[in-house]
């Protein structure tokens, strides 16, 4: 049993549904991106989860920077 106060150094894990809600994308987007190797994930048993860092890296990958005018 953990004693109070206890602070974990483990990252928060988001389910695919929760992660899709946070990103504002369709629920099927993340499984497709995962299968394409575009996003990292955590597998616990049969469950798939994402850390905040993995979601941020995915967003960074998808971010298109504006072209600088000349």
PDB file of N, CA and C in Angstrom:
ATOM      1  N   UNK A   1       0.847  -1.183   0.000  1.00  0.00           N
ATOM      2  CA  UNK A   1       0.000   0.000   0.000  1.00  0.00           C
ATOM      3  C   UNK A   1       0.888   1.240   0.000  1.00  0.00           C
ATOM      4  N   UNK A   2       0.527   2.227  -0.811  1.00  0.00           N
ATOM      5  CA  UNK A   2       1.288   3.466  -0.891  1.00  0.00           C
ATOM      6  C   UNK A   2       0.886   4.406   0.230  1.00  0.00           C
ATOM      7  N   UNK A   3       1.879   5.049   0.788  1.00  0.00           N
ATOM      8  CA  UNK A   3       1.605   5.989   1.869  1.00  0.00           C
ATOM      9  C   UNK A   3       1.330   7.369   1.299  1.00  0.00           C
ATOM     10  N   UNK A   4       0.515   8.144   1.982  1.00  0.00           N
ATOM     11  CA  UNK A   4       0.225   9.520   1.573  1.00  0.00           C
ATOM     12  C   UNK A   4       1.293  10.438   2.129  1.00  0.00           C
ATOM     13  N   UNK A   5       1.692  11.517   1.551  1.00  0.00           N
ATOM     14  CA  UNK A   5       1.407  11.849   0.159  1.00  0.00           C
ATOM     15  C   UNK A   5       2.373  11.104  -0.772  1.00  0.00           C
ATOM     16  N   UNK A   6       1.868  10.641  -1.878  1.00  0.00           N
ATOM     17  CA  UNK A   6       2.667   9.895  -2.845  1.00  0.00           C
ATOM     18  C   UNK A   6       2.571  10.595  -4.189  1.00  0.00           C
ATOM     19  N   UNK A   7       3.729  10.894  -4.762  1.00  0.00           N
ATOM     20  CA  UNK A   7       3.757  11.486  -6.088  1.00  0.00           C
ATOM     21  C   UNK A   7       4.493  10.534  -7.007  1.00  0.00           C
ATOM     22  N   UNK A   8       3.826  10.154  -8.063  1.00  0.00           N
ATOM     23  CA  UNK A   8       4.410   9.228  -9.021  1.00  0.00           C
ATOM     24  C   UNK A   8       5.225   9.989 -10.054  1.00  0.00           C
ATOM     25  N   UNK A   9       6.322   9.398 -10.467  1.00  0.00           N
ATOM     26  CA  UNK A   9       7.104   9.975 -11.548  1.00  0.00           C
ATOM     27  C   UNK A   9       6.692   9.360 -12.882  1.00  0.00           C
ATOM     28  N   UNK A  10       5.681   8.491 -12.837  1.00  0.00           N
ATOM     29  CA  UNK A  10       5.186   7.873 -14.057  1.00  0.00           C
ATOM     30  C   UNK A  10       4.311   8.859 -14.830  1.00  0.00           C
ATOM     31  N   UNK A  11       4.354   8.789 -16.169  1.00  0.00           N
ATOM     32  CA  UNK A  11       3.515   9.707 -16.954  1.00  0.00           C
ATOM     33  C   UNK A  11       2.055   9.291 -16.908  1.00  0.00           C
ATOM     34  N   UNK A  12       1.182  10.265 -17.091  1.00  0.00           N
ATOM     35  CA  UNK A  12      -0.239   9.963 -17.200  1.00  0.00           C
ATOM     36  C   UNK A  12      -0.467   9.249 -18.531  1.00  0.00           C
ATOM     37  N   UNK A  13      -1.303   8.231 -18.527  1.00  0.00           N
ATOM     38  CA  UNK A  13      -1.609   7.478 -19.743  1.00  0.00           C
ATOM     39  C   UNK A  13      -3.027   7.802 -20.197  1.00  0.00           C
ATOM     40  N   UNK A  14      -3.161   8.054 -21.497  1.00  0.00           N
ATOM     41  CA  UNK A  14      -4.454   8.367 -22.091  1.00  0.00           C
ATOM     42  C   UNK A  14      -4.876   7.221 -22.996  1.00  0.00           C
ATOM     43  N   UNK A  15      -6.125   6.777 -22.863  1.00  0.00           N
ATOM     44  CA  UNK A  15      -6.654   5.746 -23.754  1.00  0.00           C
ATOM     45  C   UNK A  15      -6.750   6.335 -25.162  1.00  0.00           C
ATOM     46  N   UNK A  16      -6.962   5.466 -26.140  1.00  0.00           N
ATOM     47  CA  UNK A  16      -7.094   5.973 -27.510  1.00  0.00           C
ATOM     48  C   UNK A  16      -8.267   6.936 -27.616  1.00  0.00           C
ATOM     49  N   UNK A  17      -9.364   6.623 -26.954  1.00  0.00           N
ATOM     50  CA  UNK A  17     -10.533   7.498 -27.008  1.00  0.00           C
ATOM     51  C   UNK A  17     -10.223   8.848 -26.365  1.00  0.00           C
ATOM     52  N   UNK A  18      -9.604   8.832 -25.178  1.00  0.00           N
ATOM     53  CA  UNK A  18      -9.271  10.079 -24.488  1.00  0.00           C
ATOM     54  C   UNK A  18      -8.258  10.900 -25.287  1.00  0.00           C
ATOM     55  N   UNK A  19      -7.261  10.225 -25.865  1.00  0.00           N
ATOM     56  CA  UNK A  19      -6.248  10.925 -26.658  1.00  0.00           C
ATOM     57  C   UNK A  19      -6.877  11.573 -27.892  1.00  0.00           C
ATOM     58  N   UNK A  20      -7.793  10.867 -28.541  1.00  0.00           N
ATOM     59  CA  UNK A  20      -8.483  11.426 -29.706  1.00  0.00           C
ATOM     60  C   UNK A  20      -9.293  12.654 -29.300  1.00  0.00           C
ATOM     61  N   UNK A  21      -9.939  12.583 -28.146  1.00  0.00           N
ATOM     62  CA  UNK A  21     -10.698  13.735 -27.653  1.00  0.00           C
ATOM     63  C   UNK A  21      -9.775  14.922 -27.399  1.00  0.00           C
ATOM     64  N   UNK A  22      -8.624  14.679 -26.793  1.00  0.00           N
ATOM     65  CA  UNK A  22      -7.667  15.757 -26.519  1.00  0.00           C
ATOM     66  C   UNK A  22      -7.164  16.402 -27.802  1.00  0.00           C
ATOM     67  N   UNK A  23      -6.914  15.576 -28.817  1.00  0.00           N
ATOM     68  CA  UNK A  23      -6.386  16.082 -30.077  1.00  0.00           C
ATOM     69  C   UNK A  23      -7.468  16.642 -30.993  1.00  0.00           C
ATOM     70  N   UNK A  24      -8.705  16.313 -30.700  1.00  0.00           N
ATOM     71  CA  UNK A  24      -9.801  16.777 -31.538  1.00  0.00           C
ATOM     72  C   UNK A  24      -9.884  16.032 -32.864  1.00  0.00           C
ATOM     73  N   UNK A  25      -9.520  14.766 -32.841  1.00  0.00           N
ATOM     74  CA  UNK A  25      -9.558  13.968 -34.073  1.00  0.00           C
ATOM     75  C   UNK A  25     -10.551  12.821 -33.921  1.00  0.00           C
ATOM     76  N   UNK A  26     -10.850  12.178 -35.034  1.00  0.00           N
ATOM     77  CA  UNK A  26     -11.765  11.040 -35.030  1.00  0.00           C
ATOM     78  C   UNK A  26     -11.131   9.871 -34.275  1.00  0.00           C
ATOM     79  N   UNK A  27     -11.931   9.044 -33.623  1.00  0.00           N
ATOM     80  CA  UNK A  27     -11.392   7.915 -32.865  1.00  0.00           C
ATOM     81  C   UNK A  27     -10.523   6.963 -33.683  1.00  0.00           C
ATOM     82  N   UNK A  28     -10.767   6.848 -34.972  1.00  0.00           N
ATOM     83  CA  UNK A  28      -9.981   5.946 -35.814  1.00  0.00           C
ATOM     84  C   UNK A  28      -8.649   6.496 -36.271  1.00  0.00           C
ATOM     85  N   UNK A  29      -8.408   7.778 -36.026  1.00  0.00           N
ATOM     86  CA  UNK A  29      -7.172   8.412 -36.495  1.00  0.00           C
ATOM     87  C   UNK A  29      -5.936   7.839 -35.806  1.00  0.00           C
ATOM     88  N   UNK A  30      -5.975   7.687 -34.502  1.00  0.00           N
ATOM     89  CA  UNK A  30      -4.794   7.231 -33.772  1.00  0.00           C
ATOM     90  C   UNK A  30      -4.427   5.779 -34.063  1.00  0.00           C
ATOM     91  N   UNK A  31      -5.394   4.855 -34.141  1.00  0.00           N
ATOM     92  CA  UNK A  31      -5.006   3.494 -34.517  1.00  0.00           C
ATOM     93  C   UNK A  31      -4.332   3.434 -35.891  1.00  0.00           C
ATOM     94  N   UNK A  32      -4.823   4.229 -36.839  1.00  0.00           N
ATOM     95  CA  UNK A  32      -4.203   4.270 -38.167  1.00  0.00           C
ATOM     96  C   UNK A  32      -2.785   4.819 -38.081  1.00  0.00           C
ATOM     97  N   UNK A  33      -2.610   5.916 -37.331  1.00  0.00           N
ATOM     98  CA  UNK A  33      -1.286   6.525 -37.183  1.00  0.00           C
ATOM     99  C   UNK A  33      -0.330   5.563 -36.478  1.00  0.00           C
ATOM    100  N   UNK A  34      -0.835   4.835 -35.502  1.00  0.00           N
ATOM    101  CA  UNK A  34      -0.008   3.865 -34.769  1.00  0.00           C
ATOM    102  C   UNK A  34       0.458   2.755 -35.702  1.00  0.00           C
ATOM    103  N   UNK A  35      -0.448   2.237 -36.523  1.00  0.00           N
ATOM    104  CA  UNK A  35      -0.103   1.157 -37.449  1.00  0.00           C
ATOM    105  C   UNK A  35       0.871   1.619 -38.529  1.00  0.00           C
ATOM    106  N   UNK A  36       0.850   2.923 -38.842  1.00  0.00           N
ATOM    107  CA  UNK A  36       1.773   3.495 -39.828  1.00  0.00           C
ATOM    108  C   UNK A  36       3.111   3.881 -39.200  1.00  0.00           C
ATOM    109  N   UNK A  37       3.223   3.733 -37.883  1.00  0.00           N
ATOM    110  CA  UNK A  37       4.457   4.077 -37.187  1.00  0.00           C
ATOM    111  C   UNK A  37       4.651   5.568 -36.988  1.00  0.00           C
ATOM    112  N   UNK A  38       3.557   6.334 -37.014  1.00  0.00           N
ATOM    113  CA  UNK A  38       3.647   7.788 -36.876  1.00  0.00           C
ATOM    114  C   UNK A  38       3.551   8.265 -35.433  1.00  0.00           C
ATOM    115  N   UNK A  39       3.096   7.392 -34.537  1.00  0.00           N
ATOM    116  CA  UNK A  39       2.947   7.791 -33.133  1.00  0.00           C
ATOM    117  C   UNK A  39       3.392   6.642 -32.234  1.00  0.00           C
ATOM    118  N   UNK A  40       4.119   6.989 -31.195  1.00  0.00           N
ATOM    119  CA  UNK A  40       4.523   6.002 -30.205  1.00  0.00           C
ATOM    120  C   UNK A  40       3.361   5.702 -29.281  1.00  0.00           C
ATOM    121  N   UNK A  41       3.442   4.598 -28.576  1.00  0.00           N
ATOM    122  CA  UNK A  41       2.356   4.201 -27.688  1.00  0.00           C
ATOM    123  C   UNK A  41       2.867   3.274 -26.599  1.00  0.00           C
ATOM    124  N   UNK A  42       2.012   3.025 -25.623  1.00  0.00           N
ATOM    125  CA  UNK A  42       2.300   2.110 -24.531  1.00  0.00           C
ATOM    126  C   UNK A  42       1.274   0.988 -24.604  1.00  0.00           C
ATOM    127  N   UNK A  43       1.746  -0.252 -24.581  1.00  0.00           N
ATOM    128  CA  UNK A  43       0.831  -1.392 -24.570  1.00  0.00           C
ATOM    129  C   UNK A  43       0.846  -2.002 -23.169  1.00  0.00           C
ATOM    130  N   UNK A  44      -0.325  -2.026 -22.543  1.00  0.00           N
ATOM    131  CA  UNK A  44      -0.500  -2.667 -21.240  1.00  0.00           C
ATOM    132  C   UNK A  44      -1.545  -3.753 -21.414  1.00  0.00           C
ATOM    133  N   UNK A  45      -1.103  -4.987 -21.399  1.00  0.00           N
ATOM    134  CA  UNK A  45      -2.025  -6.076 -21.682  1.00  0.00           C
ATOM    135  C   UNK A  45      -2.539  -5.927 -23.097  1.00  0.00           C
ATOM    136  N   UNK A  46      -3.844  -5.868 -23.246  1.00  0.00           N
ATOM    137  CA  UNK A  46      -4.446  -5.661 -24.567  1.00  0.00           C
ATOM    138  C   UNK A  46      -4.747  -4.195 -24.838  1.00  0.00           C
ATOM    139  N   UNK A  47      -4.508  -3.335 -23.849  1.00  0.00           N
ATOM    140  CA  UNK A  47      -4.829  -1.921 -23.993  1.00  0.00           C
ATOM    141  C   UNK A  47      -3.713  -1.122 -24.641  1.00  0.00           C
ATOM    142  N   UNK A  48      -4.106  -0.097 -25.378  1.00  0.00           N
ATOM    143  CA  UNK A  48      -3.173   0.834 -26.005  1.00  0.00           C
ATOM    144  C   UNK A  48      -3.376   2.193 -25.350  1.00  0.00           C
ATOM    145  N   UNK A  49      -2.264   2.803 -24.924  1.00  0.00           N
ATOM    146  CA  UNK A  49      -2.311   4.092 -24.255  1.00  0.00           C
ATOM    147  C   UNK A  49      -1.237   5.002 -24.825  1.00  0.00           C
ATOM    148  N   UNK A  50      -1.403   6.309 -24.596  1.00  0.00           N
ATOM    149  CA  UNK A  50      -0.460   7.308 -25.081  1.00  0.00           C
ATOM    150  C   UNK A  50      -0.079   8.226 -23.931  1.00  0.00           C
ATOM    151  N   UNK A  51       1.186   8.639 -23.914  1.00  0.00           N
ATOM    152  CA  UNK A  51       1.626   9.631 -22.942  1.00  0.00           C
ATOM    153  C   UNK A  51       1.471  11.019 -23.564  1.00  0.00           C
ATOM    154  N   UNK A  52       1.502  12.029 -22.727  1.00  0.00           N
ATOM    155  CA  UNK A  52       1.432  13.406 -23.212  1.00  0.00           C
ATOM    156  C   UNK A  52       2.596  13.685 -24.164  1.00  0.00           C
ATOM    157  N   UNK A  53       3.770  13.166 -23.834  1.00  0.00           N
ATOM    158  CA  UNK A  53       4.946  13.360 -24.685  1.00  0.00           C
ATOM    159  C   UNK A  53       4.734  12.731 -26.070  1.00  0.00           C
ATOM    160  N   UNK A  54       4.161  11.542 -26.120  1.00  0.00           N
ATOM    161  CA  UNK A  54       3.908  10.885 -27.407  1.00  0.00           C
ATOM    162  C   UNK A  54       2.890  11.665 -28.232  1.00  0.00           C
ATOM    163  N   UNK A  55       1.870  12.199 -27.579  1.00  0.00           N
ATOM    164  CA  UNK A  55       0.882  13.005 -28.284  1.00  0.00           C
ATOM    165  C   UNK A  55       1.507  14.287 -28.811  1.00  0.00           C
ATOM    166  N   UNK A  56       2.375  14.907 -28.018  1.00  0.00           N
ATOM    167  CA  UNK A  56       3.035  16.131 -28.457  1.00  0.00           C
ATOM    168  C   UNK A  56       3.964  15.859 -29.635  1.00  0.00           C
ATOM    169  N   UNK A  57       4.699  14.752 -29.590  1.00  0.00           N
ATOM    170  CA  UNK A  57       5.582  14.391 -30.701  1.00  0.00           C
ATOM    171  C   UNK A  57       4.782  14.150 -31.978  1.00  0.00           C
ATOM    172  N   UNK A  58       3.616  13.544 -31.846  1.00  0.00           N
ATOM    173  CA  UNK A  58       2.745  13.312 -33.000  1.00  0.00           C
ATOM    174  C   UNK A  58       2.264  14.640 -33.575  1.00  0.00           C
ATOM    175  N   UNK A  59       1.848  15.551 -32.705  1.00  0.00           N
ATOM    176  CA  UNK A  59       1.431  16.876 -33.165  1.00  0.00           C
ATOM    177  C   UNK A  59       2.576  17.603 -33.854  1.00  0.00           C
ATOM    178  N   UNK A  60       3.770  17.510 -33.281  1.00  0.00           N
ATOM    179  CA  UNK A  60       4.939  18.154 -33.894  1.00  0.00           C
ATOM    180  C   UNK A  60       5.197  17.595 -35.283  1.00  0.00           C
ATOM    181  N   UNK A  61       5.017  16.293 -35.449  1.00  0.00           N
ATOM    182  CA  UNK A  61       5.217  15.643 -36.744  1.00  0.00           C
ATOM    183  C   UNK A  61       4.216  16.155 -37.779  1.00  0.00           C
ATOM    184  N   UNK A  62       3.002  16.427 -37.334  1.00  0.00           N
ATOM    185  CA  UNK A  62       1.945  16.863 -38.242  1.00  0.00           C
ATOM    186  C   UNK A  62       1.920  18.367 -38.481  1.00  0.00           C
ATOM    187  N   UNK A  63       2.676  19.111 -37.698  1.00  0.00           N
ATOM    188  CA  UNK A  63       2.666  20.565 -37.798  1.00  0.00           C
ATOM    189  C   UNK A  63       3.402  21.025 -39.050  1.00  0.00           C
ATOM    190  N   UNK A  64       2.733  21.874 -39.817  1.00  0.00           N
ATOM    191  CA  UNK A  64       3.337  22.446 -41.017  1.00  0.00           C
ATOM    192  C   UNK A  64       3.647  23.912 -40.716  1.00  0.00           C
ATOM    193  N   UNK A  65       4.901  24.253 -40.839  1.00  0.00           N
ATOM    194  CA  UNK A  65       5.328  25.624 -40.591  1.00  0.00           C
ATOM    195  C   UNK A  65       5.056  26.475 -41.832  1.00  0.00           C
ATOM    196  N   UNK A  66       4.691  27.741 -41.624  1.00  0.00           N
ATOM    197  CA  UNK A  66       4.447  28.601 -42.794  1.00  0.00           C
ATOM    198  C   UNK A  66       5.737  28.864 -43.550  1.00  0.00           C
ATOM    199  N   UNK A  67       5.593  29.031 -44.855  1.00  0.00           N
ATOM    200  CA  UNK A  67       6.752  29.377 -45.670  1.00  0.00           C
ATOM    201  C   UNK A  67       7.021  30.860 -45.496  1.00  0.00           C
ATOM    202  N   UNK A  68       8.284  31.194 -45.379  1.00  0.00           N
ATOM    203  CA  UNK A  68       8.667  32.584 -45.193  1.00  0.00           C
ATOM    204  C   UNK A  68       8.630  33.305 -46.531  1.00  0.00           C
ATOM    205  N   UNK A  69       7.952  34.439 -46.559  1.00  0.00           N
ATOM    206  CA  UNK A  69       7.892  35.237 -47.785  1.00  0.00           C
ATOM    207  C   UNK A  69       9.215  35.928 -48.054  1.00  0.00           C
ATOM    208  N   UNK A  70       9.429  36.206 -49.290  1.00  0.00           N
ATOM    209  CA  UNK A  70      10.700  36.852 -49.641  1.00  0.00           C
ATOM    210  C   UNK A  70      10.493  38.258 -50.078  1.00  0.00           C
TER     211      UNK A  70
END
